[in-house]
């Protein structure tokens, strides 16, 4: 499946995207704030693409003007989203593209997909303490704060952090509590 916005194409990752993925995922400002270590080389990125980013409902964020991936976005089930009618939204974007509204644009399309195509009732989203960019994206999308937890295990980083959880309900999305 391929999704499209004004400036972006959301498409499945391919192992051939490893060099472009590495270009952005090696930056220590990207992965660690989201809970995963910076990529060490293109082979590391290739393995992540094959083992993690090739999951269903996970997409490369591709800039239309270049045709190249600049980040990732996806819906998945985990400890926050365990029911059949809910998923968690996760995303990251390469630093050169921060501050342009691209994550929000991609996430709006993912929410449309979640509520219209997948017929979900709830989409969860979280961020770790200090990741104010992610917090701001969630606010722009209409997510409502639910709770904060201390000592959240961040397994890939081998540490615990303070985490904040937000939720967007289908009824709020349909009512237009978020800009589309």
N, C-alpha and C. Protein backbone atom coordinates (compact mmCIF):
# COMPACT_ATOMS: atom_id res chain seq x y z
N UNK A 1 0.84 -1.18 0.00
CA UNK A 1 0.00 0.00 0.00
C UNK A 1 0.89 1.24 0.00
N UNK A 2 0.46 2.24 -0.73
CA UNK A 2 1.15 3.51 -0.80
C UNK A 2 0.14 4.60 -0.46
N UNK A 3 0.54 5.51 0.43
CA UNK A 3 -0.30 6.64 0.82
C UNK A 3 0.39 7.91 0.33
N UNK A 4 -0.37 8.96 0.11
CA UNK A 4 0.21 10.17 -0.46
C UNK A 4 -0.37 11.41 0.20
N UNK A 5 0.47 12.43 0.36
CA UNK A 5 0.06 13.74 0.84
C UNK A 5 0.53 14.77 -0.17
N UNK A 6 0.38 16.02 0.14
CA UNK A 6 0.81 17.07 -0.78
C UNK A 6 2.30 16.98 -1.11
N UNK A 7 3.13 16.76 -0.09
CA UNK A 7 4.57 16.75 -0.30
C UNK A 7 5.24 15.40 -0.13
N UNK A 8 4.47 14.40 0.29
CA UNK A 8 5.08 13.12 0.69
C UNK A 8 4.41 11.91 0.06
N UNK A 9 5.19 10.87 -0.06
CA UNK A 9 4.69 9.53 -0.38
C UNK A 9 5.06 8.65 0.80
N UNK A 10 4.10 7.91 1.30
CA UNK A 10 4.34 6.94 2.37
C UNK A 10 4.25 5.56 1.72
N UNK A 11 5.38 4.86 1.72
CA UNK A 11 5.43 3.57 1.04
C UNK A 11 6.22 2.58 1.89
N UNK A 12 6.07 1.29 1.60
CA UNK A 12 6.85 0.31 2.36
C UNK A 12 8.35 0.52 2.19
N UNK A 13 9.11 0.20 3.24
CA UNK A 13 10.56 0.25 3.18
C UNK A 13 11.07 -0.89 2.32
N UNK A 14 12.24 -0.70 1.73
CA UNK A 14 12.91 -1.72 0.94
C UNK A 14 14.36 -1.78 1.41
N UNK A 15 14.97 -2.94 1.38
CA UNK A 15 16.37 -3.07 1.79
C UNK A 15 17.27 -2.12 1.01
N UNK A 16 16.88 -1.78 -0.22
CA UNK A 16 17.67 -0.85 -1.04
C UNK A 16 17.67 0.57 -0.48
N UNK A 17 16.81 0.84 0.52
CA UNK A 17 16.76 2.15 1.16
C UNK A 17 17.80 2.31 2.27
N UNK A 18 18.63 1.30 2.47
CA UNK A 18 19.54 1.29 3.62
C UNK A 18 20.45 2.52 3.68
N UNK A 19 21.03 2.93 2.57
CA UNK A 19 21.94 4.09 2.58
C UNK A 19 21.20 5.36 3.01
N UNK A 20 20.01 5.57 2.46
CA UNK A 20 19.24 6.77 2.82
C UNK A 20 18.78 6.70 4.27
N UNK A 21 18.35 5.54 4.71
CA UNK A 21 17.95 5.36 6.10
C UNK A 21 19.13 5.69 7.02
N UNK A 22 20.28 5.15 6.72
CA UNK A 22 21.48 5.38 7.53
C UNK A 22 21.85 6.86 7.58
N UNK A 23 21.70 7.55 6.46
CA UNK A 23 22.04 8.97 6.39
C UNK A 23 21.38 9.77 7.52
N UNK A 24 20.14 9.40 7.88
CA UNK A 24 19.39 10.13 8.90
C UNK A 24 19.38 9.42 10.26
N UNK A 25 19.35 8.09 10.24
CA UNK A 25 19.25 7.32 11.49
C UNK A 25 20.57 7.26 12.24
N UNK A 26 21.68 7.67 11.62
CA UNK A 26 22.96 7.68 12.33
C UNK A 26 23.09 8.90 13.24
N UNK A 27 22.27 9.91 13.03
CA UNK A 27 22.34 11.14 13.82
C UNK A 27 21.85 10.86 15.24
N UNK A 28 22.66 11.15 16.25
CA UNK A 28 22.26 10.86 17.63
C UNK A 28 21.07 11.69 18.13
N UNK A 29 20.64 12.69 17.37
CA UNK A 29 19.45 13.46 17.76
C UNK A 29 18.16 12.78 17.34
N UNK A 30 18.26 11.73 16.52
CA UNK A 30 17.05 11.09 15.98
C UNK A 30 16.62 9.90 16.83
N UNK A 31 17.32 8.80 16.74
CA UNK A 31 16.91 7.56 17.40
C UNK A 31 16.87 7.59 18.92
N UNK A 32 17.94 8.05 19.56
CA UNK A 32 17.93 8.01 21.02
C UNK A 32 16.75 8.74 21.66
N UNK A 33 16.30 9.84 21.09
CA UNK A 33 15.15 10.54 21.68
C UNK A 33 13.87 9.72 21.51
N UNK A 34 13.85 8.82 20.53
CA UNK A 34 12.70 7.96 20.29
C UNK A 34 12.85 6.59 20.97
N UNK A 35 14.02 6.33 21.54
CA UNK A 35 14.19 5.08 22.27
C UNK A 35 14.99 4.00 21.57
N UNK A 36 15.70 4.36 20.51
CA UNK A 36 16.54 3.36 19.82
C UNK A 36 17.89 3.99 19.51
N UNK A 37 18.94 3.15 19.47
CA UNK A 37 20.30 3.68 19.26
C UNK A 37 20.51 4.16 17.83
N UNK A 38 21.38 5.15 17.69
CA UNK A 38 21.77 5.62 16.36
C UNK A 38 22.34 4.46 15.56
N UNK A 39 22.05 4.44 14.28
CA UNK A 39 22.57 3.38 13.41
C UNK A 39 24.07 3.56 13.23
N UNK A 40 24.77 2.43 13.14
CA UNK A 40 26.24 2.46 13.10
C UNK A 40 26.82 2.41 11.70
N UNK A 41 26.08 1.88 10.74
CA UNK A 41 26.54 1.80 9.36
C UNK A 41 25.35 1.39 8.47
N UNK A 42 25.50 1.46 7.15
CA UNK A 42 24.38 1.10 6.26
C UNK A 42 23.88 -0.33 6.46
N UNK A 43 24.76 -1.24 6.83
CA UNK A 43 24.33 -2.62 7.06
C UNK A 43 23.41 -2.69 8.28
N UNK A 44 23.71 -1.93 9.30
CA UNK A 44 22.83 -1.84 10.47
C UNK A 44 21.45 -1.35 10.03
N UNK A 45 21.42 -0.31 9.21
CA UNK A 45 20.14 0.21 8.70
C UNK A 45 19.41 -0.84 7.88
N UNK A 46 20.14 -1.59 7.07
CA UNK A 46 19.51 -2.65 6.26
C UNK A 46 18.85 -3.70 7.15
N UNK A 47 19.56 -4.08 8.22
CA UNK A 47 19.00 -5.07 9.15
C UNK A 47 17.75 -4.51 9.85
N UNK A 48 17.78 -3.24 10.23
CA UNK A 48 16.61 -2.62 10.86
C UNK A 48 15.44 -2.58 9.87
N UNK A 49 15.73 -2.26 8.63
CA UNK A 49 14.67 -2.26 7.61
C UNK A 49 14.04 -3.64 7.51
N UNK A 50 14.87 -4.67 7.42
CA UNK A 50 14.36 -6.04 7.26
C UNK A 50 13.67 -6.57 8.51
N UNK A 51 14.20 -6.23 9.69
CA UNK A 51 13.69 -6.80 10.94
C UNK A 51 12.62 -5.97 11.62
N UNK A 52 12.61 -4.66 11.41
CA UNK A 52 11.69 -3.78 12.14
C UNK A 52 10.79 -2.99 11.18
N UNK A 53 11.41 -2.27 10.26
CA UNK A 53 10.67 -1.35 9.42
C UNK A 53 9.86 -2.02 8.31
N UNK A 54 10.05 -3.31 8.12
CA UNK A 54 9.25 -4.02 7.12
C UNK A 54 7.95 -4.55 7.72
N UNK A 55 7.66 -4.18 8.95
CA UNK A 55 6.42 -4.61 9.61
C UNK A 55 5.20 -4.03 8.89
N UNK A 56 4.08 -4.72 8.97
CA UNK A 56 2.86 -4.18 8.38
C UNK A 56 2.54 -2.79 8.95
N UNK A 57 1.99 -1.95 8.13
CA UNK A 57 1.58 -0.59 8.50
C UNK A 57 2.75 0.31 8.89
N UNK A 58 3.96 -0.03 8.42
CA UNK A 58 5.14 0.81 8.63
C UNK A 58 5.60 1.31 7.27
N UNK A 59 5.84 2.61 7.18
CA UNK A 59 6.11 3.24 5.90
C UNK A 59 7.35 4.13 5.95
N UNK A 60 8.07 4.16 4.84
CA UNK A 60 9.11 5.16 4.64
C UNK A 60 8.40 6.47 4.31
N UNK A 61 8.88 7.56 4.90
CA UNK A 61 8.39 8.89 4.55
C UNK A 61 9.29 9.38 3.42
N UNK A 62 8.73 9.48 2.23
CA UNK A 62 9.50 9.83 1.04
C UNK A 62 9.12 11.23 0.58
N UNK A 63 10.12 12.07 0.41
CA UNK A 63 9.89 13.42 -0.08
C UNK A 63 9.63 13.34 -1.59
N UNK A 64 8.48 13.84 -2.03
CA UNK A 64 8.12 13.76 -3.45
C UNK A 64 9.18 14.41 -4.34
N UNK A 65 9.74 15.54 -3.92
CA UNK A 65 10.65 16.27 -4.79
C UNK A 65 11.95 15.53 -5.06
N UNK A 66 12.33 14.58 -4.17
CA UNK A 66 13.56 13.82 -4.39
C UNK A 66 13.31 12.34 -4.66
N UNK A 67 12.17 11.83 -4.20
CA UNK A 67 11.87 10.41 -4.34
C UNK A 67 12.64 9.55 -3.34
N UNK A 68 13.25 10.18 -2.32
CA UNK A 68 14.08 9.45 -1.36
C UNK A 68 13.47 9.48 0.04
N UNK A 69 13.66 8.40 0.81
CA UNK A 69 13.13 8.38 2.18
C UNK A 69 13.89 9.33 3.09
N UNK A 70 13.13 10.00 3.98
CA UNK A 70 13.72 10.94 4.93
C UNK A 70 13.31 10.62 6.37
N UNK A 71 12.55 9.56 6.55
CA UNK A 71 12.10 9.17 7.88
C UNK A 71 11.16 7.99 7.79
N UNK A 72 10.51 7.71 8.91
CA UNK A 72 9.62 6.55 8.97
C UNK A 72 8.41 6.87 9.84
N UNK A 73 7.31 6.20 9.52
CA UNK A 73 6.07 6.36 10.30
C UNK A 73 5.32 5.05 10.24
N UNK A 74 4.65 4.71 11.33
CA UNK A 74 3.91 3.46 11.32
C UNK A 74 2.91 3.35 12.45
N UNK A 75 2.05 2.39 12.29
CA UNK A 75 1.07 2.01 13.29
C UNK A 75 1.41 0.60 13.75
N UNK A 76 1.43 0.38 15.06
CA UNK A 76 1.75 -0.95 15.56
C UNK A 76 1.02 -1.21 16.87
N UNK A 77 1.02 -2.48 17.25
CA UNK A 77 0.42 -2.88 18.53
C UNK A 77 1.55 -3.15 19.50
N UNK A 78 1.35 -2.72 20.74
CA UNK A 78 2.32 -2.97 21.80
C UNK A 78 1.61 -2.87 23.14
N UNK A 79 2.34 -2.54 24.19
CA UNK A 79 1.72 -2.47 25.52
C UNK A 79 0.65 -1.39 25.62
N UNK A 80 0.74 -0.32 24.82
CA UNK A 80 -0.30 0.71 24.83
C UNK A 80 -1.52 0.28 24.03
N UNK A 81 -1.30 -0.37 22.91
CA UNK A 81 -2.38 -0.73 21.98
C UNK A 81 -2.46 -2.25 21.87
N UNK A 82 -3.31 -2.83 22.68
CA UNK A 82 -3.42 -4.29 22.70
C UNK A 82 -4.71 -4.81 22.11
N UNK A 83 -5.72 -3.94 21.99
CA UNK A 83 -7.01 -4.36 21.47
C UNK A 83 -7.00 -4.32 19.94
N UNK A 84 -7.89 -5.07 19.33
CA UNK A 84 -7.95 -5.16 17.87
C UNK A 84 -8.30 -3.84 17.22
N UNK A 85 -9.00 -2.95 17.94
CA UNK A 85 -9.45 -1.69 17.33
C UNK A 85 -8.58 -0.51 17.71
N UNK A 86 -7.33 -0.76 18.12
CA UNK A 86 -6.42 0.32 18.48
C UNK A 86 -4.99 -0.01 18.09
N UNK A 87 -4.22 1.03 17.80
CA UNK A 87 -2.80 0.89 17.48
C UNK A 87 -2.06 2.09 18.02
N UNK A 88 -0.73 1.99 18.01
CA UNK A 88 0.11 3.10 18.44
C UNK A 88 0.82 3.70 17.24
N UNK A 89 0.85 5.01 17.17
CA UNK A 89 1.54 5.73 16.11
C UNK A 89 2.97 6.02 16.55
N UNK A 90 3.92 5.71 15.68
CA UNK A 90 5.32 6.03 15.93
C UNK A 90 5.92 6.67 14.69
N UNK A 91 6.92 7.52 14.87
CA UNK A 91 7.50 8.23 13.73
C UNK A 91 8.88 8.76 14.08
N UNK A 92 9.67 8.99 13.04
CA UNK A 92 10.93 9.74 13.16
C UNK A 92 11.23 10.38 11.81
N UNK A 93 11.99 11.45 11.85
CA UNK A 93 12.30 12.21 10.64
C UNK A 93 13.75 12.67 10.71
N UNK A 94 14.44 12.67 9.57
CA UNK A 94 15.81 13.14 9.50
C UNK A 94 15.92 14.61 9.89
N UNK A 95 16.97 14.94 10.62
CA UNK A 95 17.16 16.29 11.16
C UNK A 95 17.05 17.40 10.11
N UNK A 96 17.62 17.23 8.89
CA UNK A 96 17.52 18.34 7.92
C UNK A 96 16.08 18.72 7.57
N UNK A 97 15.12 17.86 7.90
CA UNK A 97 13.73 18.10 7.54
C UNK A 97 12.87 18.52 8.73
N UNK A 98 13.47 18.68 9.89
CA UNK A 98 12.73 19.14 11.06
C UNK A 98 12.24 20.57 10.84
N UNK A 99 11.12 20.87 11.47
CA UNK A 99 10.61 22.24 11.46
C UNK A 99 9.87 22.64 10.20
N UNK A 100 9.56 21.68 9.34
CA UNK A 100 8.85 21.98 8.09
C UNK A 100 7.42 21.46 8.07
N UNK A 101 6.98 20.85 9.17
CA UNK A 101 5.63 20.31 9.23
C UNK A 101 5.47 18.97 8.53
N UNK A 102 6.56 18.34 8.15
CA UNK A 102 6.48 17.08 7.40
C UNK A 102 6.01 15.91 8.26
N UNK A 103 6.47 15.85 9.52
CA UNK A 103 6.01 14.77 10.40
C UNK A 103 4.52 14.89 10.63
N UNK A 104 4.05 16.09 10.89
CA UNK A 104 2.62 16.31 11.10
C UNK A 104 1.83 15.95 9.85
N UNK A 105 2.34 16.31 8.69
CA UNK A 105 1.67 15.99 7.42
C UNK A 105 1.57 14.48 7.23
N UNK A 106 2.67 13.77 7.47
CA UNK A 106 2.67 12.31 7.34
C UNK A 106 1.73 11.68 8.36
N UNK A 107 1.76 12.19 9.58
CA UNK A 107 0.93 11.62 10.64
C UNK A 107 -0.55 11.86 10.39
N UNK A 108 -0.90 13.00 9.82
CA UNK A 108 -2.31 13.24 9.49
C UNK A 108 -2.81 12.18 8.51
N UNK A 109 -1.99 11.86 7.53
CA UNK A 109 -2.38 10.83 6.56
C UNK A 109 -2.46 9.46 7.23
N UNK A 110 -1.56 9.19 8.15
CA UNK A 110 -1.61 7.91 8.86
C UNK A 110 -2.87 7.81 9.72
N UNK A 111 -3.27 8.91 10.32
CA UNK A 111 -4.50 8.91 11.11
C UNK A 111 -5.72 8.72 10.23
N UNK A 112 -5.72 9.36 9.07
CA UNK A 112 -6.82 9.12 8.12
C UNK A 112 -6.89 7.64 7.78
N UNK A 113 -5.73 7.07 7.47
CA UNK A 113 -5.65 5.64 7.15
C UNK A 113 -6.14 4.79 8.34
N UNK A 114 -5.72 5.15 9.53
CA UNK A 114 -6.10 4.39 10.73
C UNK A 114 -7.61 4.39 10.95
N UNK A 115 -8.22 5.56 10.85
CA UNK A 115 -9.64 5.67 11.17
C UNK A 115 -10.55 5.33 10.00
N UNK A 116 -10.16 5.67 8.77
CA UNK A 116 -11.03 5.39 7.62
C UNK A 116 -10.80 4.00 7.03
N UNK A 117 -9.54 3.66 6.77
CA UNK A 117 -9.24 2.39 6.10
C UNK A 117 -9.21 1.21 7.08
N UNK A 118 -8.54 1.39 8.21
CA UNK A 118 -8.38 0.30 9.18
C UNK A 118 -9.53 0.24 10.19
N UNK A 119 -10.36 1.28 10.21
CA UNK A 119 -11.53 1.35 11.09
C UNK A 119 -11.16 1.25 12.57
N UNK A 120 -10.03 1.82 12.95
CA UNK A 120 -9.62 1.81 14.35
C UNK A 120 -10.48 2.78 15.16
N UNK A 121 -10.60 2.50 16.45
CA UNK A 121 -11.34 3.38 17.35
C UNK A 121 -10.41 4.30 18.13
N UNK A 122 -9.17 3.85 18.38
CA UNK A 122 -8.22 4.63 19.16
C UNK A 122 -6.82 4.50 18.59
N UNK A 123 -6.09 5.60 18.59
CA UNK A 123 -4.67 5.60 18.24
C UNK A 123 -3.92 6.24 19.40
N UNK A 124 -2.98 5.50 19.94
CA UNK A 124 -2.14 5.96 21.03
C UNK A 124 -0.86 6.56 20.47
N UNK A 125 -0.23 7.41 21.24
CA UNK A 125 1.07 7.96 20.85
C UNK A 125 1.78 8.38 22.13
N UNK A 126 3.08 8.23 22.16
CA UNK A 126 3.83 8.60 23.35
C UNK A 126 5.12 9.30 22.99
N UNK A 127 5.73 9.89 24.00
CA UNK A 127 7.05 10.48 23.82
C UNK A 127 7.76 10.45 25.16
N UNK A 128 9.08 10.42 25.08
CA UNK A 128 9.89 10.45 26.29
C UNK A 128 10.15 11.88 26.72
N UNK A 129 10.32 12.05 28.02
CA UNK A 129 10.62 13.36 28.60
C UNK A 129 11.72 14.05 27.80
N UNK A 130 11.50 15.31 27.47
CA UNK A 130 12.48 16.09 26.74
C UNK A 130 12.29 16.10 25.24
N UNK A 131 11.48 15.19 24.69
CA UNK A 131 11.27 15.15 23.24
C UNK A 131 10.10 16.09 22.90
N UNK A 132 10.37 17.38 22.99
CA UNK A 132 9.33 18.38 22.81
C UNK A 132 8.81 18.43 21.38
N UNK A 133 9.63 18.06 20.41
CA UNK A 133 9.17 18.04 19.01
C UNK A 133 8.05 17.01 18.84
N UNK A 134 8.24 15.85 19.42
CA UNK A 134 7.20 14.82 19.32
C UNK A 134 5.94 15.25 20.08
N UNK A 135 6.12 15.86 21.23
CA UNK A 135 4.98 16.36 21.99
C UNK A 135 4.18 17.36 21.15
N UNK A 136 4.88 18.25 20.47
CA UNK A 136 4.21 19.28 19.66
C UNK A 136 3.46 18.66 18.48
N UNK A 137 4.04 17.66 17.84
CA UNK A 137 3.34 16.97 16.74
C UNK A 137 2.03 16.39 17.27
N UNK A 138 2.08 15.74 18.41
CA UNK A 138 0.87 15.13 18.97
C UNK A 138 -0.18 16.18 19.29
N UNK A 139 0.25 17.31 19.82
CA UNK A 139 -0.71 18.39 20.11
C UNK A 139 -1.35 18.89 18.83
N UNK A 140 -0.57 19.10 17.78
CA UNK A 140 -1.12 19.59 16.50
C UNK A 140 -2.13 18.61 15.92
N UNK A 141 -1.92 17.32 16.17
CA UNK A 141 -2.80 16.29 15.62
C UNK A 141 -4.08 16.09 16.43
N UNK A 142 -4.16 16.71 17.59
CA UNK A 142 -5.36 16.58 18.41
C UNK A 142 -5.30 15.48 19.45
N UNK A 143 -4.14 14.87 19.66
CA UNK A 143 -4.02 13.86 20.71
C UNK A 143 -4.25 14.52 22.07
N UNK A 144 -4.88 13.78 22.97
CA UNK A 144 -5.17 14.27 24.32
C UNK A 144 -4.28 13.52 25.31
N UNK A 145 -3.63 14.28 26.18
CA UNK A 145 -2.77 13.71 27.21
C UNK A 145 -3.56 12.73 28.08
N UNK A 146 -2.94 11.58 28.39
CA UNK A 146 -3.58 10.56 29.23
C UNK A 146 -2.86 10.37 30.56
N UNK A 147 -1.54 10.14 30.51
CA UNK A 147 -0.79 9.93 31.75
C UNK A 147 0.71 10.03 31.51
N UNK A 148 1.45 10.14 32.62
CA UNK A 148 2.91 10.13 32.62
C UNK A 148 3.36 8.98 33.51
N UNK A 149 4.36 8.25 33.07
CA UNK A 149 4.93 7.16 33.86
C UNK A 149 6.42 7.40 34.07
N UNK A 150 6.87 7.20 35.28
CA UNK A 150 8.29 7.23 35.57
C UNK A 150 8.86 5.83 35.42
N UNK A 151 10.13 5.73 35.20
CA UNK A 151 10.83 4.44 35.11
C UNK A 151 10.27 3.53 34.02
N UNK A 152 10.01 4.10 32.85
CA UNK A 152 9.57 3.31 31.69
C UNK A 152 10.81 2.64 31.10
N UNK A 153 10.80 1.31 30.97
CA UNK A 153 11.97 0.63 30.39
C UNK A 153 12.13 0.99 28.91
N UNK A 154 13.33 1.40 28.54
CA UNK A 154 13.67 1.67 27.14
C UNK A 154 14.70 0.61 26.78
N UNK A 155 14.20 -0.56 26.38
CA UNK A 155 15.03 -1.75 26.25
C UNK A 155 16.21 -1.57 25.31
N UNK A 156 15.99 -0.97 24.14
CA UNK A 156 17.08 -0.83 23.17
C UNK A 156 18.20 0.09 23.66
N UNK A 157 17.87 0.96 24.60
CA UNK A 157 18.86 1.89 25.13
C UNK A 157 19.41 1.42 26.48
N UNK A 158 18.81 0.36 27.05
CA UNK A 158 19.28 -0.18 28.32
C UNK A 158 19.10 0.78 29.48
N UNK A 159 17.97 1.49 29.50
CA UNK A 159 17.74 2.49 30.55
C UNK A 159 16.26 2.62 30.81
N UNK A 160 15.93 3.44 31.79
CA UNK A 160 14.54 3.80 32.04
C UNK A 160 14.40 5.31 31.86
N UNK A 161 13.19 5.72 31.49
CA UNK A 161 12.91 7.14 31.26
C UNK A 161 11.52 7.47 31.76
N UNK A 162 11.24 8.75 31.76
CA UNK A 162 9.89 9.24 32.02
C UNK A 162 9.18 9.32 30.68
N UNK A 163 8.00 8.71 30.60
CA UNK A 163 7.24 8.70 29.35
C UNK A 163 5.87 9.31 29.50
N UNK A 164 5.42 9.97 28.45
CA UNK A 164 4.11 10.63 28.42
C UNK A 164 3.27 9.96 27.34
N UNK A 165 2.01 9.72 27.63
CA UNK A 165 1.12 9.00 26.73
C UNK A 165 -0.08 9.86 26.37
N UNK A 166 -0.42 9.86 25.07
CA UNK A 166 -1.57 10.60 24.55
C UNK A 166 -2.44 9.66 23.73
N UNK A 167 -3.67 10.08 23.50
CA UNK A 167 -4.64 9.25 22.80
C UNK A 167 -5.48 10.13 21.88
N UNK A 168 -5.78 9.60 20.70
CA UNK A 168 -6.74 10.23 19.80
C UNK A 168 -7.83 9.20 19.52
N UNK A 169 -9.05 9.56 19.83
CA UNK A 169 -10.20 8.67 19.60
C UNK A 169 -10.81 8.98 18.24
N UNK A 170 -11.34 7.94 17.64
CA UNK A 170 -12.00 8.07 16.34
C UNK A 170 -13.05 9.17 16.35
N UNK A 171 -13.88 9.20 17.40
CA UNK A 171 -14.96 10.19 17.48
C UNK A 171 -14.42 11.62 17.49
N UNK A 172 -13.28 11.83 18.14
CA UNK A 172 -12.67 13.16 18.15
C UNK A 172 -12.10 13.51 16.78
N UNK A 173 -11.50 12.53 16.14
CA UNK A 173 -10.96 12.74 14.79
C UNK A 173 -12.10 13.06 13.82
N UNK A 174 -13.18 12.31 13.87
CA UNK A 174 -14.33 12.54 13.00
C UNK A 174 -14.96 13.91 13.25
N UNK A 175 -14.96 14.33 14.49
CA UNK A 175 -15.53 15.63 14.87
C UNK A 175 -14.65 16.77 14.38
N UNK A 176 -13.41 16.45 14.00
CA UNK A 176 -12.54 17.49 13.48
C UNK A 176 -11.70 18.18 14.54
N UNK A 177 -11.42 17.48 15.66
CA UNK A 177 -10.59 18.06 16.70
C UNK A 177 -9.13 18.19 16.25
N UNK A 178 -8.85 17.72 15.05
CA UNK A 178 -7.51 17.86 14.47
C UNK A 178 -7.67 18.44 13.07
N UNK A 179 -6.71 19.23 12.62
CA UNK A 179 -6.76 19.75 11.24
C UNK A 179 -6.40 18.63 10.28
N UNK A 180 -7.14 18.53 9.19
CA UNK A 180 -6.85 17.49 8.19
C UNK A 180 -6.43 18.08 6.92
